[in-house]
Amino acid sequence: PSRFPAGNLAVGYQIEGLPAVDGRLPSIWDSFNHTLGKSKDGPTGSIATELYVRWKEDIVLLRAYGVKAYRFSEILVRIIPHLEGIHVKRLV
């Protein structure tokens, strides 16, 4: 429908990068992707589009492209670093 705001989305690990900045601890994805053979050709999320530090530039670009809705997520261990080793209860 015309009232539905189509937009863009970004997911933390795939775009955030900078795994050791501002106290961020390793996530399960860091461990997984740094295990030999777990990703094709060996890339990790250590280098990404760096949304964490380039978010202002990204907003300017999204506006220039006419994007009306944008959803993103941060890596939980960046927001709550003391969660390392704690099992998080699934809510769904």
Protein backbone atom coordinates (compact mmCIF):
# COMPACT_ATOMS: atom_id res chain seq x y z
CA PRO A 1 0.00 0.00 0.00
CA SER A 2 1.09 3.58 -0.55
CA ARG A 3 1.07 4.24 3.20
CA PHE A 4 3.61 1.45 3.84
CA PRO A 5 7.06 3.06 4.35
CA ALA A 6 9.50 0.85 2.47
CA GLY A 7 13.01 1.39 3.73
CA ASN A 8 16.40 -0.07 4.50
CA LEU A 9 17.81 -2.11 7.34
CA ALA A 10 21.21 -2.97 8.70
CA VAL A 11 22.24 -5.65 11.16
CA GLY A 12 24.94 -5.04 13.78
CA TYR A 13 27.64 -7.61 13.16
CA GLN A 14 27.49 -7.37 9.39
CA ILE A 15 27.94 -3.59 9.26
CA GLU A 16 29.25 -2.33 12.57
CA GLY A 17 32.93 -3.34 12.49
CA LEU A 18 35.43 -2.05 15.07
CA PRO A 19 35.20 -5.00 17.47
CA ALA A 20 37.58 -3.59 20.10
CA VAL A 21 36.42 0.05 20.22
CA ASP A 22 34.78 1.69 23.25
CA GLY A 23 34.93 -1.36 25.49
CA ARG A 24 33.11 -3.76 23.19
CA LEU A 25 33.81 -7.34 24.15
CA PRO A 26 33.90 -10.28 21.73
CA SER A 27 30.52 -11.67 20.73
CA ILE A 28 29.68 -15.22 19.74
CA TRP A 29 29.86 -14.04 16.12
CA ASP A 30 33.42 -12.82 16.62
CA SER A 31 34.40 -16.24 17.93
CA PHE A 32 32.54 -18.05 15.16
CA ASN A 33 33.87 -15.94 12.28
CA HIS A 34 37.45 -16.04 13.56
CA THR A 35 37.39 -19.85 13.52
CA LEU A 36 39.19 -21.16 10.45
CA GLY A 37 36.79 -22.57 7.87
CA LYS A 38 33.62 -20.95 9.23
CA SER A 39 33.37 -18.32 6.49
CA LYS A 40 34.06 -18.57 2.77
CA ASP A 41 37.53 -17.25 1.96
CA GLY A 42 38.09 -16.28 5.63
CA PRO A 43 36.53 -12.80 6.05
CA THR A 44 35.46 -11.68 9.53
CA GLY A 45 33.30 -8.84 10.81
CA SER A 46 36.31 -6.96 12.12
CA ILE A 47 36.28 -4.78 9.02
CA ALA A 48 32.83 -3.73 7.87
CA THR A 49 31.17 -0.50 6.78
CA GLU A 50 31.84 0.95 10.23
CA LEU A 51 28.31 2.13 10.97
CA TYR A 52 29.41 2.58 14.57
CA VAL A 53 31.49 5.65 13.70
CA ARG A 54 30.00 6.66 10.32
CA TRP A 55 26.34 6.77 11.29
CA LYS A 56 26.01 10.51 10.66
CA GLU A 57 27.35 10.10 7.12
CA ASP A 58 24.99 7.16 6.60
CA ILE A 59 21.97 9.25 7.64
CA VAL A 60 22.96 11.95 5.15
CA LEU A 61 23.20 9.31 2.41
CA LEU A 62 19.87 7.72 3.36
CA ARG A 63 18.16 11.12 3.18
CA ALA A 64 19.80 11.83 -0.19
CA TYR A 65 18.45 8.50 -1.48
CA GLY A 66 14.96 9.40 -0.25
CA VAL A 67 14.77 6.58 2.29
CA LYS A 68 11.75 7.04 4.57
CA ALA A 69 12.43 4.25 7.07
CA TYR A 70 15.67 2.79 8.44
CA ARG A 71 16.10 0.01 10.98
CA PHE A 72 19.46 -0.91 12.45
CA SER A 73 20.83 -2.90 15.32
CA GLU A 74 23.96 -2.75 17.41
CA ILE A 75 25.83 -5.70 18.78
CA LEU A 76 24.48 -6.44 22.25
CA VAL A 77 27.93 -6.76 23.85
CA ARG A 78 28.68 -3.18 22.79
CA ILE A 79 25.59 -1.91 24.57
CA ILE A 80 25.85 -4.20 27.62
CA PRO A 81 29.48 -5.42 27.69
CA HIS A 82 29.19 -7.35 30.95
CA LEU A 83 26.96 -9.93 29.21
CA GLU A 84 30.00 -11.93 28.12
CA GLY A 85 29.46 -15.54 29.11
CA ILE A 86 25.88 -14.97 30.28
CA HIS A 87 23.12 -16.93 28.57
CA VAL A 88 20.51 -14.47 27.33
CA LYS A 89 16.98 -15.80 27.55
CA ARG A 90 15.21 -15.88 24.22
CA LEU A 91 12.05 -13.78 24.34
CA VAL A 92 10.32 -15.11 21.24
